[in-house]
Amino acid sequence: MSTIDTILVILKNKNLKQKDLTDYLGITKNAFTDWKSGRIESWKKYLPQIAEFLGVTVDELLGAPVPMPDPQMQRLLSLIRQLDEADRLRLEGMAAMLLTDPKYNKKSAPQDA
């Protein structure tokens, strides 16, 4: 499967549209059409951004196995993508704060005797 085919499969699995990706990358629909047809390969320079948008690694885009999406995680990612950058940073701070809770810190968990 080609990298573009992999991108299309992941988009479908995550209930995303090509327009979502082109908007994220700031490219035209025609550019994506050219990628699909093989006329141009400028998608290569966008691999890190595409991987970030899709929540996968560049290796996965290049052919490594793609895990089946977790519906709850997909919903959360979809909501996060709708936030502006400032609110994403606020959310990141909130998540970091939550992770200071001892239940997430295996080192501070009680040891079995």
PDB file of N, CA and C in Angstrom:
ATOM      1  N   MET A   1       0.857  -1.176   0.000  1.00  0.00           N
ATOM      2  CA  MET A   1       0.000   0.000   0.000  1.00  0.00           C
ATOM      3  C   MET A   1       0.900   1.235   0.000  1.00  0.00           C
ATOM      4  N   SER A   2       0.557   2.214  -0.807  1.00  0.00           N
ATOM      5  CA  SER A   2       1.350   3.442  -0.872  1.00  0.00           C
ATOM      6  C   SER A   2       1.103   4.299   0.372  1.00  0.00           C
ATOM      7  N   THR A   3       1.989   5.239   0.585  1.00  0.00           N
ATOM      8  CA  THR A   3       1.842   6.141   1.733  1.00  0.00           C
ATOM      9  C   THR A   3       0.542   6.931   1.620  1.00  0.00           C
ATOM     10  N   ILE A   4       0.212   7.381   0.437  1.00  0.00           N
ATOM     11  CA  ILE A   4      -1.034   8.131   0.257  1.00  0.00           C
ATOM     12  C   ILE A   4      -2.228   7.235   0.559  1.00  0.00           C
ATOM     13  N   ASP A   5      -2.187   5.987   0.117  1.00  0.00           N
ATOM     14  CA  ASP A   5      -3.268   5.046   0.441  1.00  0.00           C
ATOM     15  C   ASP A   5      -3.376   4.861   1.948  1.00  0.00           C
ATOM     16  N   THR A   6      -2.234   4.758   2.622  1.00  0.00           N
ATOM     17  CA  THR A   6      -2.234   4.624   4.083  1.00  0.00           C
ATOM     18  C   THR A   6      -2.882   5.835   4.727  1.00  0.00           C
ATOM     19  N   ILE A   7      -2.542   7.027   4.253  1.00  0.00           N
ATOM     20  CA  ILE A   7      -3.139   8.258   4.781  1.00  0.00           C
ATOM     21  C   ILE A   7      -4.651   8.227   4.590  1.00  0.00           C
ATOM     22  N   LEU A   8      -5.090   7.806   3.421  1.00  0.00           N
ATOM     23  CA  LEU A   8      -6.531   7.751   3.138  1.00  0.00           C
ATOM     24  C   LEU A   8      -7.241   6.748   4.055  1.00  0.00           C
ATOM     25  N   VAL A   9      -6.617   5.600   4.296  1.00  0.00           N
ATOM     26  CA  VAL A   9      -7.214   4.592   5.180  1.00  0.00           C
ATOM     27  C   VAL A   9      -7.323   5.136   6.602  1.00  0.00           C
ATOM     28  N   ILE A  10      -6.259   5.779   7.069  1.00  0.00           N
ATOM     29  CA  ILE A  10      -6.283   6.322   8.432  1.00  0.00           C
ATOM     30  C   ILE A  10      -7.336   7.416   8.551  1.00  0.00           C
ATOM     31  N   LEU A  11      -7.416   8.275   7.537  1.00  0.00           N
ATOM     32  CA  LEU A  11      -8.464   9.307   7.551  1.00  0.00           C
ATOM     33  C   LEU A  11      -9.838   8.660   7.704  1.00  0.00           C
ATOM     34  N   LYS A  12     -10.082   7.621   6.911  1.00  0.00           N
ATOM     35  CA  LYS A  12     -11.375   6.941   6.954  1.00  0.00           C
ATOM     36  C   LYS A  12     -11.610   6.297   8.321  1.00  0.00           C
ATOM     37  N   ASN A  13     -10.592   5.606   8.848  1.00  0.00           N
ATOM     38  CA  ASN A  13     -10.723   4.951  10.149  1.00  0.00           C
ATOM     39  C   ASN A  13     -11.008   5.939  11.273  1.00  0.00           C
ATOM     40  N   LYS A  14     -10.539   7.156  11.110  1.00  0.00           N
ATOM     41  CA  LYS A  14     -10.712   8.165  12.150  1.00  0.00           C
ATOM     42  C   LYS A  14     -11.872   9.112  11.851  1.00  0.00           C
ATOM     43  N   ASN A  15     -12.671   8.738  10.858  1.00  0.00           N
ATOM     44  CA  ASN A  15     -13.830   9.547  10.468  1.00  0.00           C
ATOM     45  C   ASN A  15     -13.447  10.994  10.161  1.00  0.00           C
ATOM     46  N   LEU A  16     -12.313  11.157   9.498  1.00  0.00           N
ATOM     47  CA  LEU A  16     -11.861  12.475   9.074  1.00  0.00           C
ATOM     48  C   LEU A  16     -11.984  12.568   7.558  1.00  0.00           C
ATOM     49  N   LYS A  17     -12.073  13.776   7.083  1.00  0.00           N
ATOM     50  CA  LYS A  17     -12.200  14.012   5.652  1.00  0.00           C
ATOM     51  C   LYS A  17     -10.872  14.561   5.121  1.00  0.00           C
ATOM     52  N   GLN A  18     -10.678  14.389   3.817  1.00  0.00           N
ATOM     53  CA  GLN A  18      -9.483  14.944   3.180  1.00  0.00           C
ATOM     54  C   GLN A  18      -9.408  16.448   3.421  1.00  0.00           C
ATOM     55  N   LYS A  19     -10.543  17.106   3.434  1.00  0.00           N
ATOM     56  CA  LYS A  19     -10.582  18.551   3.662  1.00  0.00           C
ATOM     57  C   LYS A  19     -10.042  18.899   5.046  1.00  0.00           C
ATOM     58  N   ASP A  20     -10.319  18.054   6.040  1.00  0.00           N
ATOM     59  CA  ASP A  20      -9.783  18.291   7.384  1.00  0.00           C
ATOM     60  C   ASP A  20      -8.254  18.341   7.332  1.00  0.00           C
ATOM     61  N   LEU A  21      -7.675  17.399   6.592  1.00  0.00           N
ATOM     62  CA  LEU A  21      -6.218  17.346   6.479  1.00  0.00           C
ATOM     63  C   LEU A  21      -5.680  18.520   5.665  1.00  0.00           C
ATOM     64  N   THR A  22      -6.307  18.814   4.529  1.00  0.00           N
ATOM     65  CA  THR A  22      -5.804  19.923   3.699  1.00  0.00           C
ATOM     66  C   THR A  22      -5.924  21.251   4.442  1.00  0.00           C
ATOM     67  N   ASP A  23      -6.998  21.428   5.191  1.00  0.00           N
ATOM     68  CA  ASP A  23      -7.133  22.657   5.999  1.00  0.00           C
ATOM     69  C   ASP A  23      -6.028  22.727   7.049  1.00  0.00           C
ATOM     70  N   TYR A  24      -5.764  21.609   7.707  1.00  0.00           N
ATOM     71  CA  TYR A  24      -4.720  21.552   8.732  1.00  0.00           C
ATOM     72  C   TYR A  24      -3.353  21.897   8.147  1.00  0.00           C
ATOM     73  N   LEU A  25      -3.078  21.360   6.953  1.00  0.00           N
ATOM     74  CA  LEU A  25      -1.782  21.588   6.315  1.00  0.00           C
ATOM     75  C   LEU A  25      -1.695  22.925   5.599  1.00  0.00           C
ATOM     76  N   GLY A  26      -2.839  23.551   5.345  1.00  0.00           N
ATOM     77  CA  GLY A  26      -2.852  24.810   4.607  1.00  0.00           C
ATOM     78  C   GLY A  26      -2.551  24.623   3.129  1.00  0.00           C
ATOM     79  N   ILE A  27      -3.021  23.504   2.596  1.00  0.00           N
ATOM     80  CA  ILE A  27      -2.823  23.236   1.166  1.00  0.00           C
ATOM     81  C   ILE A  27      -4.185  23.174   0.475  1.00  0.00           C
ATOM     82  N   THR A  28      -4.160  23.217  -0.840  1.00  0.00           N
ATOM     83  CA  THR A  28      -5.408  23.176  -1.593  1.00  0.00           C
ATOM     84  C   THR A  28      -5.883  21.743  -1.798  1.00  0.00           C
ATOM     85  N   LYS A  29      -7.166  21.618  -2.072  1.00  0.00           N
ATOM     86  CA  LYS A  29      -7.743  20.321  -2.407  1.00  0.00           C
ATOM     87  C   LYS A  29      -7.059  19.755  -3.653  1.00  0.00           C
ATOM     88  N   ASN A  30      -6.735  20.636  -4.590  1.00  0.00           N
ATOM     89  CA  ASN A  30      -6.073  20.192  -5.827  1.00  0.00           C
ATOM     90  C   ASN A  30      -4.697  19.592  -5.555  1.00  0.00           C
ATOM     91  N   ALA A  31      -3.985  20.141  -4.580  1.00  0.00           N
ATOM     92  CA  ALA A  31      -2.663  19.590  -4.241  1.00  0.00           C
ATOM     93  C   ALA A  31      -2.823  18.159  -3.744  1.00  0.00           C
ATOM     94  N   PHE A  32      -3.832  17.930  -2.905  1.00  0.00           N
ATOM     95  CA  PHE A  32      -4.064  16.580  -2.390  1.00  0.00           C
ATOM     96  C   PHE A  32      -4.462  15.638  -3.526  1.00  0.00           C
ATOM     97  N   THR A  33      -5.262  16.142  -4.448  1.00  0.00           N
ATOM     98  CA  THR A  33      -5.647  15.343  -5.623  1.00  0.00           C
ATOM     99  C   THR A  33      -4.412  14.963  -6.428  1.00  0.00           C
ATOM    100  N   ASP A  34      -3.480  15.903  -6.571  1.00  0.00           N
ATOM    101  CA  ASP A  34      -2.224  15.615  -7.280  1.00  0.00           C
ATOM    102  C   ASP A  34      -1.403  14.562  -6.544  1.00  0.00           C
ATOM    103  N   TRP A  35      -1.429  14.592  -5.217  1.00  0.00           N
ATOM    104  CA  TRP A  35      -0.724  13.568  -4.439  1.00  0.00           C
ATOM    105  C   TRP A  35      -1.324  12.198  -4.730  1.00  0.00           C
ATOM    106  N   LYS A  36      -2.664  12.141  -4.702  1.00  0.00           N
ATOM    107  CA  LYS A  36      -3.345  10.857  -4.918  1.00  0.00           C
ATOM    108  C   LYS A  36      -3.064  10.300  -6.316  1.00  0.00           C
ATOM    109  N   SER A  37      -2.976  11.183  -7.289  1.00  0.00           N
ATOM    110  CA  SER A  37      -2.755  10.728  -8.660  1.00  0.00           C
ATOM    111  C   SER A  37      -1.293  10.380  -8.928  1.00  0.00           C
ATOM    112  N   GLY A  38      -0.409  10.794  -8.016  1.00  0.00           N
ATOM    113  CA  GLY A  38       1.019  10.541  -8.205  1.00  0.00           C
ATOM    114  C   GLY A  38       1.716  11.588  -9.055  1.00  0.00           C
ATOM    115  N   ARG A  39       0.989  12.653  -9.438  1.00  0.00           N
ATOM    116  CA  ARG A  39       1.598  13.702 -10.270  1.00  0.00           C
ATOM    117  C   ARG A  39       2.703  14.442  -9.524  1.00  0.00           C
ATOM    118  N   ILE A  40       2.505  14.654  -8.222  1.00  0.00           N
ATOM    119  CA  ILE A  40       3.539  15.319  -7.417  1.00  0.00           C
ATOM    120  C   ILE A  40       3.692  14.551  -6.107  1.00  0.00           C
ATOM    121  N   GLU A  41       4.869  14.691  -5.524  1.00  0.00           N
ATOM    122  CA  GLU A  41       5.145  14.003  -4.266  1.00  0.00           C
ATOM    123  C   GLU A  41       5.529  14.989  -3.168  1.00  0.00           C
ATOM    124  N   SER A  42       4.979  16.187  -3.217  1.00  0.00           N
ATOM    125  CA  SER A  42       5.307  17.181  -2.199  1.00  0.00           C
ATOM    126  C   SER A  42       4.789  16.775  -0.824  1.00  0.00           C
ATOM    127  N   TRP A  43       3.958  15.726  -0.761  1.00  0.00           N
ATOM    128  CA  TRP A  43       3.449  15.247   0.521  1.00  0.00           C
ATOM    129  C   TRP A  43       4.590  14.808   1.428  1.00  0.00           C
ATOM    130  N   LYS A  44       5.715  14.431   0.852  1.00  0.00           N
ATOM    131  CA  LYS A  44       6.840  13.945   1.649  1.00  0.00           C
ATOM    132  C   LYS A  44       7.308  14.975   2.670  1.00  0.00           C
ATOM    133  N   LYS A  45       7.298  16.242   2.276  1.00  0.00           N
ATOM    134  CA  LYS A  45       7.765  17.273   3.214  1.00  0.00           C
ATOM    135  C   LYS A  45       6.749  17.533   4.330  1.00  0.00           C
ATOM    136  N   TYR A  46       5.522  17.046   4.152  1.00  0.00           N
ATOM    137  CA  TYR A  46       4.476  17.232   5.153  1.00  0.00           C
ATOM    138  C   TYR A  46       4.307  16.019   6.081  1.00  0.00           C
ATOM    139  N   LEU A  47       5.117  14.992   5.915  1.00  0.00           N
ATOM    140  CA  LEU A  47       4.919  13.762   6.689  1.00  0.00           C
ATOM    141  C   LEU A  47       4.838  13.987   8.201  1.00  0.00           C
ATOM    142  N   PRO A  48       5.728  14.791   8.799  1.00  0.00           N
ATOM    143  CA  PRO A  48       5.602  14.994  10.252  1.00  0.00           C
ATOM    144  C   PRO A  48       4.268  15.651  10.652  1.00  0.00           C
ATOM    145  N   GLN A  49       3.828  16.630   9.865  1.00  0.00           N
ATOM    146  CA  GLN A  49       2.560  17.297  10.175  1.00  0.00           C
ATOM    147  C   GLN A  49       1.371  16.367   9.939  1.00  0.00           C
ATOM    148  N   ILE A  50       1.431  15.572   8.885  1.00  0.00           N
ATOM    149  CA  ILE A  50       0.355  14.618   8.597  1.00  0.00           C
ATOM    150  C   ILE A  50       0.268  13.601   9.733  1.00  0.00           C
ATOM    151  N   ALA A  51       1.424  13.089  10.154  1.00  0.00           N
ATOM    152  CA  ALA A  51       1.455  12.110  11.245  1.00  0.00           C
ATOM    153  C   ALA A  51       0.872  12.717  12.516  1.00  0.00           C
ATOM    154  N   GLU A  52       1.255  13.943  12.814  1.00  0.00           N
ATOM    155  CA  GLU A  52       0.731  14.615  14.014  1.00  0.00           C
ATOM    156  C   GLU A  52      -0.786  14.758  13.930  1.00  0.00           C
ATOM    157  N   PHE A  53      -1.276  15.209  12.797  1.00  0.00           N
ATOM    158  CA  PHE A  53      -2.717  15.397  12.617  1.00  0.00           C
ATOM    159  C   PHE A  53      -3.473  14.081  12.789  1.00  0.00           C
ATOM    160  N   LEU A  54      -2.913  13.014  12.244  1.00  0.00           N
ATOM    161  CA  LEU A  54      -3.588  11.720  12.279  1.00  0.00           C
ATOM    162  C   LEU A  54      -3.349  10.952  13.575  1.00  0.00           C
ATOM    163  N   GLY A  55      -2.424  11.448  14.396  1.00  0.00           N
ATOM    164  CA  GLY A  55      -2.136  10.763  15.652  1.00  0.00           C
ATOM    165  C   GLY A  55      -1.395   9.454  15.466  1.00  0.00           C
ATOM    166  N   VAL A  56      -0.533   9.412  14.458  1.00  0.00           N
ATOM    167  CA  VAL A  56       0.276   8.222  14.180  1.00  0.00           C
ATOM    168  C   VAL A  56       1.727   8.670  14.033  1.00  0.00           C
ATOM    169  N   THR A  57       2.600   7.712  13.843  1.00  0.00           N
ATOM    170  CA  THR A  57       4.009   8.042  13.600  1.00  0.00           C
ATOM    171  C   THR A  57       4.275   8.115  12.100  1.00  0.00           C
ATOM    172  N   VAL A  58       5.373   8.759  11.765  1.00  0.00           N
ATOM    173  CA  VAL A  58       5.789   8.800  10.362  1.00  0.00           C
ATOM    174  C   VAL A  58       6.041   7.376   9.869  1.00  0.00           C
ATOM    175  N   ASP A  59       6.617   6.543  10.733  1.00  0.00           N
ATOM    176  CA  ASP A  59       6.850   5.143  10.353  1.00  0.00           C
ATOM    177  C   ASP A  59       5.555   4.444   9.966  1.00  0.00           C
ATOM    178  N   GLU A  60       4.494   4.705  10.705  1.00  0.00           N
ATOM    179  CA  GLU A  60       3.206   4.105  10.365  1.00  0.00           C
ATOM    180  C   GLU A  60       2.727   4.584   9.000  1.00  0.00           C
ATOM    181  N   LEU A  61       2.927   5.870   8.709  1.00  0.00           N
ATOM    182  CA  LEU A  61       2.534   6.391   7.402  1.00  0.00           C
ATOM    183  C   LEU A  61       3.339   5.730   6.284  1.00  0.00           C
ATOM    184  N   LEU A  62       4.574   5.374   6.600  1.00  0.00           N
ATOM    185  CA  LEU A  62       5.445   4.774   5.591  1.00  0.00           C
ATOM    186  C   LEU A  62       5.293   3.266   5.485  1.00  0.00           C
ATOM    187  N   GLY A  63       4.348   2.699   6.246  1.00  0.00           N
ATOM    188  CA  GLY A  63       4.061   1.291   6.062  1.00  0.00           C
ATOM    189  C   GLY A  63       4.074   0.411   7.284  1.00  0.00           C
ATOM    190  N   ALA A  64       4.485   0.942   8.449  1.00  0.00           N
ATOM    191  CA  ALA A  64       4.428   0.131   9.663  1.00  0.00           C
ATOM    192  C   ALA A  64       2.962  -0.133   9.995  1.00  0.00           C
ATOM    193  N   PRO A  65       2.657  -1.212  10.707  1.00  0.00           N
ATOM    194  CA  PRO A  65       1.261  -1.525  11.029  1.00  0.00           C
ATOM    195  C   PRO A  65       0.557  -0.373  11.754  1.00  0.00           C
ATOM    196  N   VAL A  66      -0.679  -0.123  11.372  1.00  0.00           N
ATOM    197  CA  VAL A  66      -1.489   0.937  11.979  1.00  0.00           C
ATOM    198  C   VAL A  66      -2.476   0.293  12.942  1.00  0.00           C
ATOM    199  N   PRO A  67      -2.424   0.680  14.221  1.00  0.00           N
ATOM    200  CA  PRO A  67      -3.361   0.079  15.173  1.00  0.00           C
ATOM    201  C   PRO A  67      -4.794   0.519  14.902  1.00  0.00           C
ATOM    202  N   MET A  68      -5.724  -0.341  15.282  1.00  0.00           N
ATOM    203  CA  MET A  68      -7.135   0.017  15.137  1.00  0.00           C
ATOM    204  C   MET A  68      -7.442   1.167  16.089  1.00  0.00           C
ATOM    205  N   PRO A  69      -8.203   2.151  15.634  1.00  0.00           N
ATOM    206  CA  PRO A  69      -8.472   3.306  16.480  1.00  0.00           C
ATOM    207  C   PRO A  69      -9.380   2.960  17.663  1.00  0.00           C
ATOM    208  N   ASP A  70      -9.058   3.537  18.807  1.00  0.00           N
ATOM    209  CA  ASP A  70      -9.882   3.429  19.998  1.00  0.00           C
ATOM    210  C   ASP A  70     -10.949   4.521  19.879  1.00  0.00           C
ATOM    211  N   PRO A  71     -12.240   4.174  19.812  1.00  0.00           N
ATOM    212  CA  PRO A  71     -13.287   5.180  19.588  1.00  0.00           C
ATOM    213  C   PRO A  71     -13.280   6.314  20.607  1.00  0.00           C
ATOM    214  N   GLN A  72     -13.041   6.011  21.872  1.00  0.00           N
ATOM    215  CA  GLN A  72     -13.025   7.060  22.892  1.00  0.00           C
ATOM    216  C   GLN A  72     -11.858   8.016  22.653  1.00  0.00           C
ATOM    217  N   MET A  73     -10.694   7.469  22.312  1.00  0.00           N
ATOM    218  CA  MET A  73      -9.534   8.303  22.040  1.00  0.00           C
ATOM    219  C   MET A  73      -9.756   9.140  20.783  1.00  0.00           C
ATOM    220  N   GLN A  74     -10.391   8.559  19.784  1.00  0.00           N
ATOM    221  CA  GLN A  74     -10.680   9.290  18.558  1.00  0.00           C
ATOM    222  C   GLN A  74     -11.598  10.480  18.833  1.00  0.00           C
ATOM    223  N   ARG A  75     -12.588  10.268  19.671  1.00  0.00           N
ATOM    224  CA  ARG A  75     -13.517  11.354  20.028  1.00  0.00           C
ATOM    225  C   ARG A  75     -12.765  12.462  20.756  1.00  0.00           C
ATOM    226  N   LEU A  76     -11.895  12.071  21.683  1.00  0.00           N
ATOM    227  CA  LEU A  76     -11.118  13.059  22.421  1.00  0.00           C
ATOM    228  C   LEU A  76     -10.206  13.847  21.483  1.00  0.00           C
ATOM    229  N   LEU A  77      -9.521  13.143  20.578  1.00  0.00           N
ATOM    230  CA  LEU A  77      -8.658  13.834  19.622  1.00  0.00           C
ATOM    231  C   LEU A  77      -9.448  14.764  18.716  1.00  0.00           C
ATOM    232  N   SER A  78     -10.625  14.331  18.323  1.00  0.00           N
ATOM    233  CA  SER A  78     -11.471  15.170  17.481  1.00  0.00           C
ATOM    234  C   SER A  78     -11.844  16.466  18.203  1.00  0.00           C
ATOM    235  N   LEU A  79     -12.171  16.343  19.475  1.00  0.00           N
ATOM    236  CA  LEU A  79     -12.515  17.538  20.258  1.00  0.00           C
ATOM    237  C   LEU A  79     -11.301  18.453  20.425  1.00  0.00           C
ATOM    238  N   ILE A  80     -10.150  17.861  20.692  1.00  0.00           N
ATOM    239  CA  ILE A  80      -8.937  18.656  20.877  1.00  0.00           C
ATOM    240  C   ILE A  80      -8.584  19.413  19.603  1.00  0.00           C
ATOM    241  N   ARG A  81      -8.756  18.772  18.455  1.00  0.00           N
ATOM    242  CA  ARG A  81      -8.430  19.431  17.182  1.00  0.00           C
ATOM    243  C   ARG A  81      -9.283  20.670  16.931  1.00  0.00           C
ATOM    244  N   GLN A  82     -10.442  20.739  17.562  1.00  0.00           N
ATOM    245  CA  GLN A  82     -11.327  21.883  17.369  1.00  0.00           C
ATOM    246  C   GLN A  82     -10.901  23.092  18.201  1.00  0.00           C
ATOM    247  N   LEU A  83     -10.013  22.878  19.177  1.00  0.00           N
ATOM    248  CA  LEU A  83      -9.558  23.962  20.036  1.00  0.00           C
ATOM    249  C   LEU A  83      -8.496  24.800  19.328  1.00  0.00           C
ATOM    250  N   ASP A  84      -8.427  26.081  19.703  1.00  0.00           N
ATOM    251  CA  ASP A  84      -7.340  26.893  19.166  1.00  0.00           C
ATOM    252  C   ASP A  84      -6.067  26.583  19.955  1.00  0.00           C
ATOM    253  N   GLU A  85      -4.943  27.103  19.507  1.00  0.00           N
ATOM    254  CA  GLU A  85      -3.655  26.755  20.103  1.00  0.00           C
ATOM    255  C   GLU A  85      -3.586  27.113  21.583  1.00  0.00           C
ATOM    256  N   ALA A  86      -4.112  28.266  21.946  1.00  0.00           N
ATOM    257  CA  ALA A  86      -4.064  28.686  23.350  1.00  0.00           C
ATOM    258  C   ALA A  86      -4.832  27.715  24.242  1.00  0.00           C
ATOM    259  N   ASP A  87      -6.004  27.295  23.791  1.00  0.00           N
ATOM    260  CA  ASP A  87      -6.788  26.358  24.597  1.00  0.00           C
ATOM    261  C   ASP A  87      -6.161  24.967  24.615  1.00  0.00           C
ATOM    262  N   ARG A  88      -5.484  24.591  23.542  1.00  0.00           N
ATOM    263  CA  ARG A  88      -4.769  23.303  23.555  1.00  0.00           C
ATOM    264  C   ARG A  88      -3.662  23.329  24.608  1.00  0.00           C
ATOM    265  N   LEU A  89      -2.961  24.459  24.713  1.00  0.00           N
ATOM    266  CA  LEU A  89      -1.915  24.597  25.720  1.00  0.00           C
ATOM    267  C   LEU A  89      -2.507  24.550  27.124  1.00  0.00           C
ATOM    268  N   ARG A  90      -3.649  25.190  27.315  1.00  0.00           N
ATOM    269  CA  ARG A  90      -4.326  25.127  28.625  1.00  0.00           C
ATOM    270  C   ARG A  90      -4.697  23.690  28.954  1.00  0.00           C
ATOM    271  N   LEU A  91      -5.222  22.976  27.975  1.00  0.00           N
ATOM    272  CA  LEU A  91      -5.607  21.585  28.181  1.00  0.00           C
ATOM    273  C   LEU A  91      -4.387  20.729  28.503  1.00  0.00           C
ATOM    274  N   GLU A  92      -3.284  20.987  27.825  1.00  0.00           N
ATOM    275  CA  GLU A  92      -2.051  20.257  28.102  1.00  0.00           C
ATOM    276  C   GLU A  92      -1.618  20.486  29.554  1.00  0.00           C
ATOM    277  N   GLY A  93      -1.723  21.725  30.021  1.00  0.00           N
ATOM    278  CA  GLY A  93      -1.384  22.036  31.408  1.00  0.00           C
ATOM    279  C   GLY A  93      -2.298  21.318  32.388  1.00  0.00           C
ATOM    280  N   MET A  94      -3.591  21.272  32.061  1.00  0.00           N
ATOM    281  CA  MET A  94      -4.533  20.561  32.927  1.00  0.00           C
ATOM    282  C   MET A  94      -4.200  19.078  32.988  1.00  0.00           C
ATOM    283  N   ALA A  95      -3.870  18.488  31.841  1.00  0.00           N
ATOM    284  CA  ALA A  95      -3.522  17.068  31.808  1.00  0.00           C
ATOM    285  C   ALA A  95      -2.259  16.816  32.632  1.00  0.00           C
ATOM    286  N   ALA A  96      -1.273  17.692  32.511  1.00  0.00           N
ATOM    287  CA  ALA A  96      -0.037  17.549  33.286  1.00  0.00           C
ATOM    288  C   ALA A  96      -0.336  17.625  34.782  1.00  0.00           C
ATOM    289  N   MET A  97      -1.240  18.524  35.153  1.00  0.00           N
ATOM    290  CA  MET A  97      -1.613  18.652  36.561  1.00  0.00           C
ATOM    291  C   MET A  97      -2.293  17.372  37.051  1.00  0.00           C
ATOM    292  N   LEU A  98      -3.214  16.826  36.252  1.00  0.00           N
ATOM    293  CA  LEU A  98      -3.891  15.586  36.631  1.00  0.00           C
ATOM    294  C   LEU A  98      -2.893  14.443  36.825  1.00  0.00           C
ATOM    295  N   LEU A  99      -1.864  14.422  36.002  1.00  0.00           N
ATOM    296  CA  LEU A  99      -0.883  13.338  36.075  1.00  0.00           C
ATOM    297  C   LEU A  99      -0.001  13.414  37.315  1.00  0.00           C
ATOM    298  N   THR A 100      -0.084  14.495  38.076  1.00  0.00           N
ATOM    299  CA  THR A 100       0.654  14.566  39.340  1.00  0.00           C
ATOM    300  C   THR A 100      -0.073  13.797  40.438  1.00  0.00           C
ATOM    301  N   ASP A 101      -1.312  13.404  40.187  1.00  0.00           N
ATOM    302  CA  ASP A 101      -2.075  12.606  41.155  1.00  0.00           C
ATOM    303  C   ASP A 101      -1.325  11.290  41.398  1.00  0.00           C
ATOM    304  N   PRO A 102      -1.202  10.882  42.663  1.00  0.00           N
ATOM    305  CA  PRO A 102      -0.472   9.641  42.971  1.00  0.00           C
ATOM    306  C   PRO A 102      -0.974   8.405  42.214  1.00  0.00           C
ATOM    307  N   LYS A 103      -2.233   8.380  41.839  1.00  0.00           N
ATOM    308  CA  LYS A 103      -2.717   7.182  41.136  1.00  0.00           C
ATOM    309  C   LYS A 103      -2.042   6.997  39.777  1.00  0.00           C
ATOM    310  N   TYR A 104      -1.439   8.069  39.226  1.00  0.00           N
ATOM    311  CA  TYR A 104      -0.731   7.975  37.955  1.00  0.00           C
ATOM    312  C   TYR A 104       0.769   7.815  38.147  1.00  0.00           C
ATOM    313  N   ASN A 105       1.222   7.889  39.389  1.00  0.00           N
ATOM    314  CA  ASN A 105       2.647   7.816  39.681  1.00  0.00           C
ATOM    315  C   ASN A 105       2.934   6.452  40.285  1.00  0.00           C
ATOM    316  N   LYS A 106       3.409   5.543  39.474  1.00  0.00           N
ATOM    317  CA  LYS A 106       3.653   4.166  39.912  1.00  0.00           C
ATOM    318  C   LYS A 106       4.688   4.105  41.041  1.00  0.00           C
ATOM    319  N   LYS A 107       5.626   5.033  41.085  1.00  0.00           N
ATOM    320  CA  LYS A 107       6.642   5.019  42.130  1.00  0.00           C
ATOM    321  C   LYS A 107       6.049   5.267  43.506  1.00  0.00           C
ATOM    322  N   SER A 108       4.972   6.082  43.573  1.00  0.00           N
ATOM    323  CA  SER A 108       4.396   6.389  44.873  1.00  0.00           C
ATOM    324  C   SER A 108       3.264   5.448  45.259  1.00  0.00           C
ATOM    325  N   ALA A 109       2.969   4.468  44.396  1.00  0.00           N
ATOM    326  CA  ALA A 109       1.919   3.505  44.703  1.00  0.00           C
ATOM    327  C   ALA A 109       2.386   2.586  45.817  1.00  0.00           C
ATOM    328  N   PRO A 110       1.475   2.172  46.706  1.00  0.00           N
ATOM    329  CA  PRO A 110       1.863   1.274  47.796  1.00  0.00           C
ATOM    330  C   PRO A 110       2.408  -0.038  47.245  1.00  0.00           C
ATOM    331  N   GLN A 111       3.441  -0.532  47.871  1.00  0.00           N
ATOM    332  CA  GLN A 111       4.063  -1.783  47.466  1.00  0.00           C
ATOM    333  C   GLN A 111       3.388  -2.939  48.197  1.00  0.00           C
ATOM    334  N   ASP A 112       3.184  -4.048  47.485  1.00  0.00           N
ATOM    335  CA  ASP A 112       2.649  -5.242  48.143  1.00  0.00           C
ATOM    336  C   ASP A 112       3.726  -5.838  49.030  1.00  0.00           C
ATOM    337  N   ALA A 113       3.367  -6.244  50.242  1.00  0.00           N
ATOM    338  CA  ALA A 113       4.343  -6.822  51.172  1.00  0.00           C
ATOM    339  C   ALA A 113       4.358  -8.324  51.079  1.00  0.00           C
TER     340      ALA A 113
END
